[in-house]
Amino acid sequence: VNCNGFQNPGLEGFRASLASLRHRVPLIVSVAGESIADYVKLVRELGPLGELVEFNISSPNTKLVYEWSR
């Protein structure tokens, strides 16, 4: 799930997909947001479905891609 404007199934769809996975290796959930509230919501919703949460704060194009998608 991302808020960068890329096509995705949204939080509910992604959570359902993660919950149905039968993974054999540790699952890393990577989250990216535009605000602290975005990160908190994503970690609360998706964090319990993986063994580790990665915060993706390094994309220099986040705001630009988001604006292009409007």
N, C-alpha and C. Protein backbone atom coordinates (compact mmCIF):
# COMPACT_ATOMS: atom_id res chain seq x y z
N VAL A 1 0.87 -1.16 0.00
CA VAL A 1 0.00 0.00 0.00
C VAL A 1 0.90 1.21 0.00
N ASN A 2 0.56 2.19 -0.77
CA ASN A 2 1.34 3.41 -0.74
C ASN A 2 0.43 4.59 -0.97
N CYS A 3 0.87 5.74 -0.55
CA CYS A 3 0.10 6.97 -0.78
C CYS A 3 0.79 7.80 -1.84
N ASN A 4 1.64 7.18 -2.61
CA ASN A 4 2.43 7.89 -3.61
C ASN A 4 1.72 8.04 -4.93
N GLY A 5 0.50 7.58 -5.04
CA GLY A 5 -0.25 7.71 -6.27
C GLY A 5 -0.16 6.51 -7.19
N PHE A 6 0.60 5.49 -6.82
CA PHE A 6 0.68 4.30 -7.64
C PHE A 6 -0.58 3.46 -7.42
N GLN A 7 -1.00 2.73 -8.43
CA GLN A 7 -2.17 1.87 -8.30
C GLN A 7 -1.91 0.81 -7.23
N ASN A 8 -2.89 0.61 -6.36
CA ASN A 8 -2.80 -0.42 -5.33
C ASN A 8 -4.20 -0.74 -4.84
N PRO A 9 -4.38 -1.86 -4.15
CA PRO A 9 -5.72 -2.25 -3.72
C PRO A 9 -6.23 -1.50 -2.49
N GLY A 10 -5.45 -0.61 -1.94
CA GLY A 10 -5.86 0.11 -0.74
C GLY A 10 -5.55 -0.69 0.51
N LEU A 11 -5.69 -0.04 1.64
CA LEU A 11 -5.32 -0.65 2.92
C LEU A 11 -6.10 -1.94 3.19
N GLU A 12 -7.42 -1.92 3.00
CA GLU A 12 -8.23 -3.12 3.28
C GLU A 12 -7.84 -4.28 2.37
N GLY A 13 -7.68 -4.00 1.09
CA GLY A 13 -7.31 -5.05 0.15
C GLY A 13 -5.93 -5.62 0.42
N PHE A 14 -5.00 -4.73 0.77
CA PHE A 14 -3.64 -5.18 1.04
C PHE A 14 -3.59 -5.99 2.33
N ARG A 15 -4.34 -5.55 3.35
CA ARG A 15 -4.37 -6.30 4.61
C ARG A 15 -4.94 -7.70 4.38
N ALA A 16 -5.99 -7.82 3.58
CA ALA A 16 -6.58 -9.12 3.28
C ALA A 16 -5.57 -10.01 2.54
N SER A 17 -4.84 -9.43 1.60
CA SER A 17 -3.83 -10.19 0.86
C SER A 17 -2.72 -10.69 1.78
N LEU A 18 -2.24 -9.81 2.66
CA LEU A 18 -1.18 -10.21 3.59
C LEU A 18 -1.66 -11.29 4.54
N ALA A 19 -2.89 -11.15 5.03
CA ALA A 19 -3.42 -12.12 5.99
C ALA A 19 -3.56 -13.51 5.36
N SER A 20 -3.78 -13.56 4.05
CA SER A 20 -3.99 -14.85 3.40
C SER A 20 -2.69 -15.51 2.93
N LEU A 21 -1.57 -14.80 3.00
CA LEU A 21 -0.29 -15.37 2.57
C LEU A 21 0.18 -16.46 3.52
N ARG A 22 0.69 -17.53 2.95
CA ARG A 22 1.35 -18.56 3.75
C ARG A 22 2.83 -18.42 3.51
N HIS A 23 3.46 -17.53 4.26
CA HIS A 23 4.88 -17.28 4.03
C HIS A 23 5.74 -18.22 4.87
N ARG A 24 6.84 -18.61 4.28
CA ARG A 24 7.76 -19.55 4.93
C ARG A 24 9.00 -18.85 5.46
N VAL A 25 9.15 -17.61 5.12
CA VAL A 25 10.28 -16.82 5.60
C VAL A 25 9.72 -15.60 6.31
N PRO A 26 10.51 -14.93 7.13
CA PRO A 26 10.01 -13.73 7.80
C PRO A 26 9.48 -12.70 6.78
N LEU A 27 8.34 -12.13 7.08
CA LEU A 27 7.71 -11.16 6.20
C LEU A 27 8.02 -9.75 6.70
N ILE A 28 8.57 -8.92 5.82
CA ILE A 28 8.85 -7.53 6.14
C ILE A 28 7.78 -6.67 5.50
N VAL A 29 7.08 -5.91 6.31
CA VAL A 29 6.05 -5.00 5.83
C VAL A 29 6.69 -3.62 5.69
N SER A 30 6.69 -3.07 4.47
CA SER A 30 7.28 -1.76 4.22
C SER A 30 6.16 -0.73 4.08
N VAL A 31 6.25 0.34 4.85
CA VAL A 31 5.21 1.37 4.81
C VAL A 31 5.82 2.71 4.41
N ALA A 32 5.02 3.49 3.69
CA ALA A 32 5.43 4.84 3.29
C ALA A 32 4.21 5.74 3.39
N GLY A 33 4.41 6.93 3.90
CA GLY A 33 3.30 7.85 4.04
C GLY A 33 3.73 9.28 3.81
N GLU A 34 2.75 10.16 3.89
CA GLU A 34 2.99 11.59 3.72
C GLU A 34 3.01 12.32 5.05
N SER A 35 2.60 11.64 6.12
CA SER A 35 2.52 12.29 7.43
C SER A 35 2.76 11.26 8.52
N ILE A 36 2.97 11.75 9.72
CA ILE A 36 3.13 10.84 10.87
C ILE A 36 1.87 10.01 11.04
N ALA A 37 0.71 10.64 10.86
CA ALA A 37 -0.56 9.92 10.99
C ALA A 37 -0.66 8.77 9.99
N ASP A 38 -0.17 8.99 8.76
CA ASP A 38 -0.17 7.91 7.76
C ASP A 38 0.66 6.73 8.25
N TYR A 39 1.86 7.02 8.74
CA TYR A 39 2.74 5.95 9.22
C TYR A 39 2.12 5.21 10.40
N VAL A 40 1.55 5.93 11.33
CA VAL A 40 0.93 5.30 12.51
C VAL A 40 -0.20 4.37 12.07
N LYS A 41 -1.05 4.85 11.19
CA LYS A 41 -2.18 4.04 10.72
C LYS A 41 -1.69 2.78 10.01
N LEU A 42 -0.72 2.92 9.12
CA LEU A 42 -0.22 1.76 8.38
C LEU A 42 0.45 0.74 9.30
N VAL A 43 1.23 1.21 10.26
CA VAL A 43 1.89 0.29 11.18
C VAL A 43 0.87 -0.42 12.06
N ARG A 44 -0.13 0.29 12.53
CA ARG A 44 -1.17 -0.35 13.36
C ARG A 44 -1.94 -1.40 12.58
N GLU A 45 -2.24 -1.12 11.32
CA GLU A 45 -3.04 -2.03 10.51
C GLU A 45 -2.24 -3.20 9.94
N LEU A 46 -1.02 -2.92 9.49
CA LEU A 46 -0.25 -3.94 8.77
C LEU A 46 0.87 -4.56 9.58
N GLY A 47 1.37 -3.86 10.58
CA GLY A 47 2.48 -4.37 11.38
C GLY A 47 2.26 -5.74 11.98
N PRO A 48 1.08 -6.01 12.55
CA PRO A 48 0.85 -7.33 13.15
C PRO A 48 0.87 -8.49 12.15
N LEU A 49 0.81 -8.19 10.86
CA LEU A 49 0.80 -9.25 9.85
C LEU A 49 2.19 -9.67 9.40
N GLY A 50 3.21 -8.98 9.87
CA GLY A 50 4.58 -9.32 9.50
C GLY A 50 5.46 -9.45 10.73
N GLU A 51 6.69 -9.83 10.50
CA GLU A 51 7.65 -9.96 11.59
C GLU A 51 8.46 -8.69 11.80
N LEU A 52 8.47 -7.80 10.81
CA LEU A 52 9.26 -6.58 10.87
C LEU A 52 8.57 -5.51 10.05
N VAL A 53 8.66 -4.26 10.50
CA VAL A 53 8.12 -3.13 9.74
C VAL A 53 9.27 -2.24 9.31
N GLU A 54 9.30 -1.93 8.03
CA GLU A 54 10.29 -1.02 7.47
C GLU A 54 9.60 0.30 7.16
N PHE A 55 10.20 1.40 7.58
CA PHE A 55 9.69 2.73 7.28
C PHE A 55 10.40 3.24 6.04
N ASN A 56 9.67 3.42 4.95
CA ASN A 56 10.26 3.92 3.71
C ASN A 56 10.11 5.43 3.69
N ILE A 57 11.14 6.12 4.13
CA ILE A 57 11.10 7.59 4.18
C ILE A 57 12.05 8.21 3.17
N SER A 58 12.57 7.39 2.26
CA SER A 58 13.65 7.86 1.40
C SER A 58 13.24 8.25 -0.01
N SER A 59 11.98 8.13 -0.39
CA SER A 59 11.59 8.43 -1.77
C SER A 59 11.55 9.93 -2.00
N PRO A 60 12.40 10.43 -2.90
CA PRO A 60 12.40 11.88 -3.17
C PRO A 60 11.23 12.30 -4.06
N ASN A 61 10.52 11.33 -4.65
CA ASN A 61 9.46 11.65 -5.60
C ASN A 61 8.05 11.51 -5.03
N THR A 62 7.93 11.28 -3.75
CA THR A 62 6.63 11.01 -3.16
C THR A 62 5.61 12.10 -3.48
N LYS A 63 5.90 13.33 -3.15
CA LYS A 63 4.94 14.41 -3.40
C LYS A 63 4.71 14.63 -4.89
N LEU A 64 5.76 14.53 -5.69
CA LEU A 64 5.63 14.73 -7.13
C LEU A 64 4.73 13.66 -7.75
N VAL A 65 4.95 12.40 -7.42
CA VAL A 65 4.13 11.32 -7.96
C VAL A 65 2.69 11.48 -7.50
N TYR A 66 2.49 11.85 -6.25
CA TYR A 66 1.14 12.04 -5.73
C TYR A 66 0.41 13.13 -6.51
N GLU A 67 1.07 14.22 -6.78
CA GLU A 67 0.45 15.31 -7.54
C GLU A 67 0.13 14.88 -8.97
N TRP A 68 1.01 14.11 -9.59
CA TRP A 68 0.77 13.64 -10.96
C TRP A 68 -0.46 12.75 -11.05
N SER A 69 -0.78 12.03 -9.98
CA SER A 69 -1.89 11.08 -10.01
C SER A 69 -3.25 11.75 -9.88
N ARG A 70 -3.28 13.00 -9.54
CA ARG A 70 -4.57 13.69 -9.34
C ARG A 70 -5.25 13.98 -10.64
